[in-house]
Amino acid sequence: MKKRISCLLCLLAVLCACASALGEVKVYLNKQPPKDWNSRKLMRLIVFKTPGTDSMLLQVGGKNMIIDAWKVWVNDLMKAYKELGLTDKKGRVHVNTIFNTHPHDDHLLGLIRMVQNKGLTADEFMTSFPKNYKDPFNKEAEDLHRQALKLMQKKKIPVRFLKQNQLLNYGGAKVRVFWNKRGHDPNQLSAVMHITFGEATLLLTADIVPTTEKVLLHQVPITYLRADIMKMPHHAYNICVEEFLDAVSPKLVFANNWERATRDTAYQMRNKGIKYVTHDKGRIVLETDGKVWYVTQIRWKF
């Protein structure tokens, strides 16, 4: 009887392992997707070549979300948006959502300039920072946040103030937003986005710092962190806290920066056996049908 039970337990373990393997979301880097790829329902994240800053575009279910931008790249970004077909009947660049992760100039000032001077319009502006955000140690961030809110009101773009752990249903994707409850400066308070599409998962970490990584390990369930692909926090200027990286357990990490500026991170990822992509070779495009990821780097493309 004991032998039979032992055999059954071994068989169950094998079956569980097989099921886990079958359900694993694979990540392919610079590999040609299947011929029918573009006919499938896809989620796409475009990471524009803006080293040292964040400028991304999330596309899913016919919806478009701009995530952060710096002023230096405004003209290039507007040109790219038009090339991607993000224009309305009047020829203006229009998106569903403008999302700002935190009010530092390298993440927010570009958004302000595009709305103020370049005619960018949107259905909504999202922020996790409250209307009355105060920062006695960083008046510049406080003023920039206030400036953005006033501009959105002037341009009649509704502002949505997000709540902690808010779950958004966005074009068929589930976007959960959370941040460090104990944070003080804008980087520590950066909005983290955990995005799920089918079985595929993505973690966008904005400019969180190592202390925030440690806090989040205790603040949120591991399911909010676990992801197939992760954006390296804070432009990869610091390596990841090992426990945080293990919790996320990514198959690929990308950094909005040059590799020469992120050597320690590149070394950490190589030691972990994690694929690592930087801006050196051009724009990074991440696409998934909810079952598998294809990550492509378009050489020399902004």
C-alpha atoms as a PDB file:
ATOM      1  CA  MET A   1       0.000   0.000   0.000  1.00  0.00           C
ATOM      2  CA  LYS A   2       2.798   2.421   0.940  1.00  0.00           C
ATOM      3  CA  LYS A   3       4.556   1.655  -2.329  1.00  0.00           C
ATOM      4  CA  ARG A   4       1.360   2.339  -4.296  1.00  0.00           C
ATOM      5  CA  ILE A   5       0.790   5.653  -2.478  1.00  0.00           C
ATOM      6  CA  SER A   6       4.409   6.610  -3.147  1.00  0.00           C
ATOM      7  CA  CYS A   7       3.991   5.861  -6.844  1.00  0.00           C
ATOM      8  CA  LEU A   8       0.776   7.894  -6.983  1.00  0.00           C
ATOM      9  CA  LEU A   9       2.476  10.861  -5.316  1.00  0.00           C
ATOM     10  CA  CYS A  10       5.357  10.681  -7.794  1.00  0.00           C
ATOM     11  CA  LEU A  11       2.902  10.551 -10.691  1.00  0.00           C
ATOM     12  CA  LEU A  12       1.011  13.554  -9.293  1.00  0.00           C
ATOM     13  CA  ALA A  13       4.261  15.496  -8.980  1.00  0.00           C
ATOM     14  CA  VAL A  14       5.152  14.721 -12.598  1.00  0.00           C
ATOM     15  CA  LEU A  15       1.695  15.770 -13.791  1.00  0.00           C
ATOM     16  CA  CYS A  16       1.912  19.037 -11.856  1.00  0.00           C
ATOM     17  CA  ALA A  17       5.336  19.737 -13.315  1.00  0.00           C
ATOM     18  CA  CYS A  18       4.045  19.073 -16.818  1.00  0.00           C
ATOM     19  CA  ALA A  19       1.044  21.336 -16.283  1.00  0.00           C
ATOM     20  CA  SER A  20       3.316  24.073 -14.994  1.00  0.00           C
ATOM     21  CA  ALA A  21       5.591  23.729 -18.010  1.00  0.00           C
ATOM     22  CA  LEU A  22       2.639  23.833 -20.410  1.00  0.00           C
ATOM     23  CA  GLY A  23       1.289  26.965 -18.735  1.00  0.00           C
ATOM     24  CA  GLU A  24       4.627  28.801 -18.759  1.00  0.00           C
ATOM     25  CA  VAL A  25       4.666  32.028 -20.763  1.00  0.00           C
ATOM     26  CA  LYS A  26       7.784  32.059 -22.910  1.00  0.00           C
ATOM     27  CA  VAL A  27       9.675  35.222 -23.841  1.00  0.00           C
ATOM     28  CA  TYR A  28      11.446  35.345 -27.202  1.00  0.00           C
ATOM     29  CA  LEU A  29      13.994  38.060 -27.955  1.00  0.00           C
ATOM     30  CA  ASN A  30      14.542  39.177 -31.552  1.00  0.00           C
ATOM     31  CA  LYS A  31      12.825  36.102 -32.922  1.00  0.00           C
ATOM     32  CA  GLN A  32      10.350  36.180 -35.811  1.00  0.00           C
ATOM     33  CA  PRO A  33       6.748  35.683 -34.568  1.00  0.00           C
ATOM     34  CA  PRO A  34       4.320  33.287 -36.324  1.00  0.00           C
ATOM     35  CA  LYS A  35       2.856  34.349 -39.692  1.00  0.00           C
ATOM     36  CA  ASP A  36      -0.599  34.894 -38.154  1.00  0.00           C
ATOM     37  CA  TRP A  37       0.778  37.004 -35.303  1.00  0.00           C
ATOM     38  CA  ASN A  38      -0.704  40.335 -36.389  1.00  0.00           C
ATOM     39  CA  SER A  39      -4.141  38.767 -36.850  1.00  0.00           C
ATOM     40  CA  ARG A  40      -4.263  37.849 -33.150  1.00  0.00           C
ATOM     41  CA  LYS A  41      -5.455  40.092 -30.314  1.00  0.00           C
ATOM     42  CA  LEU A  42      -2.245  41.593 -28.985  1.00  0.00           C
ATOM     43  CA  MET A  43      -0.969  43.819 -26.221  1.00  0.00           C
ATOM     44  CA  ARG A  44       2.009  45.951 -27.175  1.00  0.00           C
ATOM     45  CA  LEU A  45       4.397  48.130 -25.181  1.00  0.00           C
ATOM     46  CA  ILE A  46       6.601  50.452 -27.225  1.00  0.00           C
ATOM     47  CA  VAL A  47       9.660  51.691 -25.353  1.00  0.00           C
ATOM     48  CA  PHE A  48      10.964  54.694 -27.246  1.00  0.00           C
ATOM     49  CA  LYS A  49      14.704  55.284 -27.395  1.00  0.00           C
ATOM     50  CA  THR A  50      14.981  57.953 -24.697  1.00  0.00           C
ATOM     51  CA  PRO A  51      17.989  56.809 -22.622  1.00  0.00           C
ATOM     52  CA  GLY A  52      17.975  58.035 -19.041  1.00  0.00           C
ATOM     53  CA  THR A  53      14.254  58.884 -19.174  1.00  0.00           C
ATOM     54  CA  ASP A  54      10.950  57.036 -19.618  1.00  0.00           C
ATOM     55  CA  SER A  55       8.756  57.431 -22.716  1.00  0.00           C
ATOM     56  CA  MET A  56       6.475  54.471 -23.397  1.00  0.00           C
ATOM     57  CA  LEU A  57       3.233  53.685 -25.196  1.00  0.00           C
ATOM     58  CA  LEU A  58       0.884  50.888 -24.135  1.00  0.00           C
ATOM     59  CA  GLN A  59      -1.464  49.624 -26.856  1.00  0.00           C
ATOM     60  CA  VAL A  60      -4.176  47.054 -26.162  1.00  0.00           C
ATOM     61  CA  GLY A  61      -7.721  46.455 -27.340  1.00  0.00           C
ATOM     62  CA  GLY A  62      -7.760  49.576 -29.491  1.00  0.00           C
ATOM     63  CA  LYS A  63      -6.705  51.789 -26.565  1.00  0.00           C
ATOM     64  CA  ASN A  64      -3.515  53.829 -26.326  1.00  0.00           C
ATOM     65  CA  MET A  65      -1.807  54.990 -23.141  1.00  0.00           C
ATOM     66  CA  ILE A  66       1.212  57.289 -23.094  1.00  0.00           C
ATOM     67  CA  ILE A  67       3.360  56.615 -20.029  1.00  0.00           C
ATOM     68  CA  ASP A  68       5.694  59.498 -19.075  1.00  0.00           C
ATOM     69  CA  ALA A  69       7.901  61.692 -21.271  1.00  0.00           C
ATOM     70  CA  TRP A  70      10.691  64.261 -20.963  1.00  0.00           C
ATOM     71  CA  LYS A  71      10.838  67.614 -22.777  1.00  0.00           C
ATOM     72  CA  VAL A  72      13.978  66.808 -24.817  1.00  0.00           C
ATOM     73  CA  TRP A  73      12.143  64.155 -26.839  1.00  0.00           C
ATOM     74  CA  VAL A  74       8.864  65.994 -27.475  1.00  0.00           C
ATOM     75  CA  ASN A  75       9.318  66.505 -31.229  1.00  0.00           C
ATOM     76  CA  ASP A  76      10.553  62.942 -31.785  1.00  0.00           C
ATOM     77  CA  LEU A  77       7.659  61.527 -29.762  1.00  0.00           C
ATOM     78  CA  MET A  78       4.998  63.528 -31.578  1.00  0.00           C
ATOM     79  CA  LYS A  79       6.447  62.383 -34.901  1.00  0.00           C
ATOM     80  CA  ALA A  80       6.466  58.766 -33.689  1.00  0.00           C
ATOM     81  CA  TYR A  81       2.857  58.971 -32.480  1.00  0.00           C
ATOM     82  CA  LYS A  82       1.764  60.248 -35.900  1.00  0.00           C
ATOM     83  CA  GLU A  83       3.681  57.461 -37.644  1.00  0.00           C
ATOM     84  CA  LEU A  84       1.830  54.988 -35.422  1.00  0.00           C
ATOM     85  CA  GLY A  85      -1.497  56.445 -36.542  1.00  0.00           C
ATOM     86  CA  LEU A  86      -2.488  58.130 -33.280  1.00  0.00           C
ATOM     87  CA  THR A  87      -4.306  61.025 -34.932  1.00  0.00           C
ATOM     88  CA  ASP A  88      -7.934  62.116 -34.883  1.00  0.00           C
ATOM     89  CA  LYS A  89     -10.037  63.467 -37.768  1.00  0.00           C
ATOM     90  CA  LYS A  90      -8.447  66.899 -37.334  1.00  0.00           C
ATOM     91  CA  GLY A  91      -4.946  65.440 -37.631  1.00  0.00           C
ATOM     92  CA  ARG A  92      -4.134  66.023 -33.971  1.00  0.00           C
ATOM     93  CA  VAL A  93      -2.339  63.379 -31.943  1.00  0.00           C
ATOM     94  CA  HIS A  94      -4.968  61.874 -29.646  1.00  0.00           C
ATOM     95  CA  VAL A  95      -4.735  59.037 -27.106  1.00  0.00           C
ATOM     96  CA  ASN A  96      -7.112  57.543 -24.589  1.00  0.00           C
ATOM     97  CA  THR A  97      -4.846  58.040 -21.595  1.00  0.00           C
ATOM     98  CA  ILE A  98      -1.844  60.061 -20.488  1.00  0.00           C
ATOM     99  CA  PHE A  99      -0.312  58.398 -17.434  1.00  0.00           C
ATOM    100  CA  ASN A 100       2.290  60.051 -15.230  1.00  0.00           C
ATOM    101  CA  THR A 101       4.074  57.802 -12.749  1.00  0.00           C
ATOM    102  CA  HIS A 102       5.542  60.662 -10.698  1.00  0.00           C
ATOM    103  CA  PRO A 103       6.132  64.427 -11.044  1.00  0.00           C
ATOM    104  CA  HIS A 104       9.846  64.569 -11.858  1.00  0.00           C
ATOM    105  CA  ASP A 105      10.670  66.624 -14.938  1.00  0.00           C
ATOM    106  CA  ASP A 106      12.149  63.663 -16.855  1.00  0.00           C
ATOM    107  CA  HIS A 107       8.762  61.917 -16.581  1.00  0.00           C
ATOM    108  CA  LEU A 108       6.237  64.750 -16.604  1.00  0.00           C
ATOM    109  CA  LEU A 109       7.634  67.831 -18.345  1.00  0.00           C
ATOM    110  CA  GLY A 110       7.464  66.203 -21.774  1.00  0.00           C
ATOM    111  CA  LEU A 111       3.775  65.405 -21.253  1.00  0.00           C
ATOM    112  CA  ILE A 112       3.122  69.009 -20.277  1.00  0.00           C
ATOM    113  CA  ARG A 113       4.967  70.363 -23.329  1.00  0.00           C
ATOM    114  CA  MET A 114       3.133  68.027 -25.728  1.00  0.00           C
ATOM    115  CA  VAL A 115      -0.270  69.044 -24.402  1.00  0.00           C
ATOM    116  CA  GLN A 116       0.611  72.710 -24.036  1.00  0.00           C
ATOM    117  CA  ASN A 117       2.547  73.359 -27.246  1.00  0.00           C
ATOM    118  CA  LYS A 118       2.148  70.394 -29.607  1.00  0.00           C
ATOM    119  CA  GLY A 119      -1.602  69.806 -29.593  1.00  0.00           C
ATOM    120  CA  LEU A 120      -1.635  66.423 -27.860  1.00  0.00           C
ATOM    121  CA  THR A 121      -5.148  65.586 -26.647  1.00  0.00           C
ATOM    122  CA  ALA A 122      -6.453  62.751 -24.484  1.00  0.00           C
ATOM    123  CA  ASP A 123      -9.613  61.364 -22.932  1.00  0.00           C
ATOM    124  CA  GLU A 124      -8.035  61.394 -19.476  1.00  0.00           C
ATOM    125  CA  PHE A 125      -4.908  62.129 -17.470  1.00  0.00           C
ATOM    126  CA  MET A 126      -4.022  59.596 -14.770  1.00  0.00           C
ATOM    127  CA  THR A 127      -1.865  60.111 -11.705  1.00  0.00           C
ATOM    128  CA  SER A 128      -1.426  58.370  -8.375  1.00  0.00           C
ATOM    129  CA  PHE A 129      -0.377  61.654  -6.745  1.00  0.00           C
ATOM    130  CA  PRO A 130      -3.213  63.512  -4.950  1.00  0.00           C
ATOM    131  CA  LYS A 131      -4.545  66.879  -6.044  1.00  0.00           C
ATOM    132  CA  ASN A 132      -3.073  68.554  -2.966  1.00  0.00           C
ATOM    133  CA  TYR A 133       0.316  66.782  -3.178  1.00  0.00           C
ATOM    134  CA  LYS A 134       2.866  68.518  -0.944  1.00  0.00           C
ATOM    135  CA  ASP A 135       6.601  67.943  -0.825  1.00  0.00           C
ATOM    136  CA  PRO A 136       8.479  70.349   1.489  1.00  0.00           C
ATOM    137  CA  PHE A 137      11.809  68.935   0.287  1.00  0.00           C
ATOM    138  CA  ASN A 138      11.049  69.088  -3.440  1.00  0.00           C
ATOM    139  CA  LYS A 139       9.044  72.184  -4.360  1.00  0.00           C
ATOM    140  CA  GLU A 140       9.922  71.679  -8.023  1.00  0.00           C
ATOM    141  CA  ALA A 141       8.042  68.355  -8.153  1.00  0.00           C
ATOM    142  CA  GLU A 142       5.130  69.858  -6.222  1.00  0.00           C
ATOM    143  CA  ASP A 143       4.936  72.816  -8.629  1.00  0.00           C
ATOM    144  CA  LEU A 144       5.239  70.598 -11.694  1.00  0.00           C
ATOM    145  CA  HIS A 145       2.363  68.399 -10.508  1.00  0.00           C
ATOM    146  CA  ARG A 146       0.213  71.462  -9.880  1.00  0.00           C
ATOM    147  CA  GLN A 147       1.133  72.852 -13.308  1.00  0.00           C
ATOM    148  CA  ALA A 148       0.079  69.605 -14.996  1.00  0.00           C
ATOM    149  CA  LEU A 149      -3.289  69.570 -13.231  1.00  0.00           C
ATOM    150  CA  LYS A 150      -4.012  73.195 -14.155  1.00  0.00           C
ATOM    151  CA  LEU A 151      -3.085  72.502 -17.766  1.00  0.00           C
ATOM    152  CA  MET A 152      -5.390  69.487 -17.972  1.00  0.00           C
ATOM    153  CA  GLN A 153      -8.235  71.576 -16.574  1.00  0.00           C
ATOM    154  CA  LYS A 154      -7.538  74.312 -19.134  1.00  0.00           C
ATOM    155  CA  LYS A 155      -7.465  71.787 -21.997  1.00  0.00           C
ATOM    156  CA  LYS A 156     -10.581  70.043 -20.627  1.00  0.00           C
ATOM    157  CA  ILE A 157      -8.788  66.738 -20.136  1.00  0.00           C
ATOM    158  CA  PRO A 158     -10.361  64.956 -17.123  1.00  0.00           C
ATOM    159  CA  VAL A 159      -7.936  63.949 -14.359  1.00  0.00           C
ATOM    160  CA  ARG A 160      -8.300  60.571 -12.663  1.00  0.00           C
ATOM    161  CA  PHE A 161      -6.619  60.325  -9.261  1.00  0.00           C
ATOM    162  CA  LEU A 162      -5.834  56.662  -8.699  1.00  0.00           C
ATOM    163  CA  LYS A 163      -6.275  54.824  -5.427  1.00  0.00           C
ATOM    164  CA  GLN A 164      -3.803  52.440  -3.830  1.00  0.00           C
ATOM    165  CA  ASN A 165      -3.999  48.954  -5.419  1.00  0.00           C
ATOM    166  CA  GLN A 166      -6.571  50.178  -7.944  1.00  0.00           C
ATOM    167  CA  LEU A 167      -7.351  47.664 -10.683  1.00  0.00           C
ATOM    168  CA  LEU A 168      -8.107  49.074 -14.128  1.00  0.00           C
ATOM    169  CA  ASN A 169      -9.692  47.091 -16.939  1.00  0.00           C
ATOM    170  CA  TYR A 170      -7.916  48.592 -19.896  1.00  0.00           C
ATOM    171  CA  GLY A 171      -8.681  47.332 -23.400  1.00  0.00           C
ATOM    172  CA  GLY A 172      -8.811  43.731 -22.246  1.00  0.00           C
ATOM    173  CA  ALA A 173      -5.742  44.038 -20.018  1.00  0.00           C
ATOM    174  CA  LYS A 174      -5.804  44.280 -16.242  1.00  0.00           C
ATOM    175  CA  VAL A 175      -3.646  47.077 -14.885  1.00  0.00           C
ATOM    176  CA  ARG A 176      -3.057  47.182 -11.144  1.00  0.00           C
ATOM    177  CA  VAL A 177      -1.451  50.341  -9.756  1.00  0.00           C
ATOM    178  CA  PHE A 178       0.259  50.613  -6.384  1.00  0.00           C
ATOM    179  CA  TRP A 179       3.078  52.503  -4.685  1.00  0.00           C
ATOM    180  CA  ASN A 180       5.156  52.675  -1.537  1.00  0.00           C
ATOM    181  CA  LYS A 181       2.869  53.737   1.312  1.00  0.00           C
ATOM    182  CA  ARG A 182       5.906  54.832   3.311  1.00  0.00           C
ATOM    183  CA  GLY A 183       7.462  56.832   0.488  1.00  0.00           C
ATOM    184  CA  HIS A 184       8.491  60.466   0.812  1.00  0.00           C
ATOM    185  CA  ASP A 185      10.132  61.765  -2.362  1.00  0.00           C
ATOM    186  CA  PRO A 186       8.635  61.325  -5.866  1.00  0.00           C
ATOM    187  CA  ASN A 187      10.899  58.395  -6.779  1.00  0.00           C
ATOM    188  CA  GLN A 188       9.905  56.449  -3.684  1.00  0.00           C
ATOM    189  CA  LEU A 189       6.261  57.253  -4.420  1.00  0.00           C
ATOM    190  CA  SER A 190       6.425  56.279  -8.099  1.00  0.00           C
ATOM    191  CA  ALA A 191       3.380  54.403  -9.374  1.00  0.00           C
ATOM    192  CA  VAL A 192       4.145  50.757 -10.137  1.00  0.00           C
ATOM    193  CA  MET A 193       1.984  49.106 -12.813  1.00  0.00           C
ATOM    194  CA  HIS A 194       1.413  45.342 -12.872  1.00  0.00           C
ATOM    195  CA  ILE A 195      -0.201  44.511 -16.209  1.00  0.00           C
ATOM    196  CA  THR A 196      -1.854  41.192 -17.087  1.00  0.00           C
ATOM    197  CA  PHE A 197      -3.052  40.176 -20.541  1.00  0.00           C
ATOM    198  CA  GLY A 198      -4.232  36.587 -20.727  1.00  0.00           C
ATOM    199  CA  GLU A 199      -1.492  34.644 -18.970  1.00  0.00           C
ATOM    200  CA  ALA A 200       1.210  37.191 -19.821  1.00  0.00           C
ATOM    201  CA  THR A 201       2.439  39.647 -17.190  1.00  0.00           C
ATOM    202  CA  LEU A 202       4.469  42.853 -17.208  1.00  0.00           C
ATOM    203  CA  LEU A 203       5.814  44.974 -14.339  1.00  0.00           C
ATOM    204  CA  LEU A 204       6.569  48.656 -14.927  1.00  0.00           C
ATOM    205  CA  THR A 205       8.492  50.010 -11.969  1.00  0.00           C
ATOM    206  CA  ALA A 206       8.927  53.695 -12.885  1.00  0.00           C
ATOM    207  CA  ASP A 207      11.697  55.213 -10.708  1.00  0.00           C
ATOM    208  CA  ILE A 208      11.309  53.210  -7.509  1.00  0.00           C
ATOM    209  CA  VAL A 209      14.506  52.881  -5.484  1.00  0.00           C
ATOM    210  CA  PRO A 210      15.958  49.930  -3.505  1.00  0.00           C
ATOM    211  CA  THR A 211      14.282  51.023  -0.259  1.00  0.00           C
ATOM    212  CA  THR A 212      10.912  50.959  -2.032  1.00  0.00           C
ATOM    213  CA  GLU A 213      11.655  47.518  -3.487  1.00  0.00           C
ATOM    214  CA  LYS A 214      12.130  46.245   0.077  1.00  0.00           C
ATOM    215  CA  VAL A 215       8.906  47.892   1.260  1.00  0.00           C
ATOM    216  CA  LEU A 216       6.847  46.450  -1.589  1.00  0.00           C
ATOM    217  CA  LEU A 217       7.984  42.938  -0.694  1.00  0.00           C
ATOM    218  CA  HIS A 218       6.026  43.315   2.538  1.00  0.00           C
ATOM    219  CA  GLN A 219       3.312  45.695   1.360  1.00  0.00           C
ATOM    220  CA  VAL A 220       1.776  43.807  -1.588  1.00  0.00           C
ATOM    221  CA  PRO A 221       1.100  40.126  -2.394  1.00  0.00           C
ATOM    222  CA  ILE A 222       3.767  38.443  -4.501  1.00  0.00           C
ATOM    223  CA  THR A 223       1.196  38.040  -7.292  1.00  0.00           C
ATOM    224  CA  TYR A 224       1.326  41.836  -7.753  1.00  0.00           C
ATOM    225  CA  LEU A 225       5.063  41.568  -8.406  1.00  0.00           C
ATOM    226  CA  ARG A 226       5.492  38.334 -10.337  1.00  0.00           C
ATOM    227  CA  ALA A 227       5.989  39.093 -14.034  1.00  0.00           C
ATOM    228  CA  ASP A 228       7.409  37.652 -17.249  1.00  0.00           C
ATOM    229  CA  ILE A 229       9.018  40.994 -18.123  1.00  0.00           C
ATOM    230  CA  MET A 230      10.106  43.861 -15.887  1.00  0.00           C
ATOM    231  CA  LYS A 231      11.186  47.418 -16.564  1.00  0.00           C
ATOM    232  CA  MET A 232      14.333  47.964 -14.546  1.00  0.00           C
ATOM    233  CA  PRO A 233      13.645  50.531 -11.789  1.00  0.00           C
ATOM    234  CA  HIS A 234      15.067  54.060 -12.059  1.00  0.00           C
ATOM    235  CA  HIS A 235      16.790  53.647 -15.416  1.00  0.00           C
ATOM    236  CA  ALA A 236      18.937  50.835 -13.977  1.00  0.00           C
ATOM    237  CA  TYR A 237      21.189  53.225 -12.055  1.00  0.00           C
ATOM    238  CA  ASN A 238      21.049  50.792  -9.119  1.00  0.00           C
ATOM    239  CA  ILE A 239      20.974  47.012  -9.182  1.00  0.00           C
ATOM    240  CA  CYS A 240      17.811  45.299  -7.979  1.00  0.00           C
ATOM    241  CA  VAL A 241      17.421  44.134  -4.407  1.00  0.00           C
ATOM    242  CA  GLU A 242      17.979  40.381  -4.767  1.00  0.00           C
ATOM    243  CA  GLU A 243      14.815  39.443  -2.878  1.00  0.00           C
ATOM    244  CA  PHE A 244      12.767  41.791  -5.065  1.00  0.00           C
ATOM    245  CA  LEU A 245      14.240  40.397  -8.267  1.00  0.00           C
ATOM    246  CA  ASP A 246      13.580  36.851  -7.049  1.00  0.00           C
ATOM    247  CA  ALA A 247       9.975  37.770  -6.231  1.00  0.00           C
ATOM    248  CA  VAL A 248       9.376  39.221  -9.701  1.00  0.00           C
ATOM    249  CA  SER A 249      11.260  36.314 -11.294  1.00  0.00           C
ATOM    250  CA  PRO A 250      11.354  37.903 -14.775  1.00  0.00           C
ATOM    251  CA  LYS A 251      12.544  36.126 -17.902  1.00  0.00           C
ATOM    252  CA  LEU A 252      13.527  39.461 -19.453  1.00  0.00           C
ATOM    253  CA  VAL A 253      14.399  42.863 -18.035  1.00  0.00           C
ATOM    254  CA  PHE A 254      14.668  46.065 -20.075  1.00  0.00           C
ATOM    255  CA  ALA A 255      16.210  49.357 -19.066  1.00  0.00           C
ATOM    256  CA  ASN A 256      15.481  52.823 -20.416  1.00  0.00           C
ATOM    257  CA  ASN A 257      19.173  53.621 -20.663  1.00  0.00           C
ATOM    258  CA  TRP A 258      22.484  52.815 -22.321  1.00  0.00           C
ATOM    259  CA  GLU A 259      24.202  49.611 -21.248  1.00  0.00           C
ATOM    260  CA  ARG A 260      27.417  51.502 -20.437  1.00  0.00           C
ATOM    261  CA  ALA A 261      25.430  53.431 -17.801  1.00  0.00           C
ATOM    262  CA  THR A 262      24.002  50.219 -16.348  1.00  0.00           C
ATOM    263  CA  ARG A 263      26.976  47.851 -16.197  1.00  0.00           C
ATOM    264  CA  ASP A 264      26.246  46.646 -12.685  1.00  0.00           C
ATOM    265  CA  THR A 265      22.669  45.795 -13.664  1.00  0.00           C
ATOM    266  CA  ALA A 266      23.845  44.029 -16.828  1.00  0.00           C
ATOM    267  CA  TYR A 267      26.239  41.979 -14.696  1.00  0.00           C
ATOM    268  CA  GLN A 268      23.461  41.142 -12.190  1.00  0.00           C
ATOM    269  CA  MET A 269      21.131  39.948 -14.959  1.00  0.00           C
ATOM    270  CA  ARG A 270      23.842  37.820 -16.605  1.00  0.00           C
ATOM    271  CA  ASN A 271      24.559  36.157 -13.265  1.00  0.00           C
ATOM    272  CA  LYS A 272      20.842  35.421 -12.868  1.00  0.00           C
ATOM    273  CA  GLY A 273      20.486  34.118 -16.408  1.00  0.00           C
ATOM    274  CA  ILE A 274      17.926  36.838 -17.231  1.00  0.00           C
ATOM    275  CA  LYS A 275      17.734  38.349 -20.723  1.00  0.00           C
ATOM    276  CA  TYR A 276      18.644  42.028 -20.550  1.00  0.00           C
ATOM    277  CA  VAL A 277      17.860  44.733 -23.122  1.00  0.00           C
ATOM    278  CA  THR A 278      18.894  48.401 -23.195  1.00  0.00           C
ATOM    279  CA  HIS A 279      18.447  51.252 -25.660  1.00  0.00           C
ATOM    280  CA  ASP A 280      21.829  50.722 -27.344  1.00  0.00           C
ATOM    281  CA  LYS A 281      20.359  49.109 -30.474  1.00  0.00           C
ATOM    282  CA  GLY A 282      17.182  51.162 -30.725  1.00  0.00           C
ATOM    283  CA  ARG A 283      13.464  51.118 -29.903  1.00  0.00           C
ATOM    284  CA  ILE A 284      12.207  48.158 -27.864  1.00  0.00           C
ATOM    285  CA  VAL A 285       8.835  46.639 -28.778  1.00  0.00           C
ATOM    286  CA  LEU A 286       7.200  44.055 -26.503  1.00  0.00           C
ATOM    287  CA  GLU A 287       4.193  42.149 -27.873  1.00  0.00           C
ATOM    288  CA  THR A 288       2.073  39.334 -26.448  1.00  0.00           C
ATOM    289  CA  ASP A 289      -1.051  37.416 -27.391  1.00  0.00           C
ATOM    290  CA  GLY A 290      -1.471  36.487 -23.741  1.00  0.00           C
ATOM    291  CA  LYS A 291       0.367  33.190 -24.168  1.00  0.00           C
ATOM    292  CA  VAL A 292       3.843  34.143 -25.381  1.00  0.00           C
ATOM    293  CA  TRP A 293       5.985  37.278 -25.670  1.00  0.00           C
ATOM    294  CA  TYR A 294       7.957  38.454 -28.688  1.00  0.00           C
ATOM    295  CA  VAL A 295      10.392  41.230 -27.850  1.00  0.00           C
ATOM    296  CA  THR A 296      11.994  43.025 -30.774  1.00  0.00           C
ATOM    297  CA  GLN A 297      14.612  45.725 -30.896  1.00  0.00           C
ATOM    298  CA  ILE A 298      14.339  47.930 -33.983  1.00  0.00           C
ATOM    299  CA  ARG A 299      17.891  48.974 -34.839  1.00  0.00           C
ATOM    300  CA  TRP A 300      18.529  52.738 -34.875  1.00  0.00           C
ATOM    301  CA  LYS A 301      14.783  53.440 -34.494  1.00  0.00           C
ATOM    302  CA  PHE A 302      13.799  56.169 -32.030  1.00  0.00           C
END
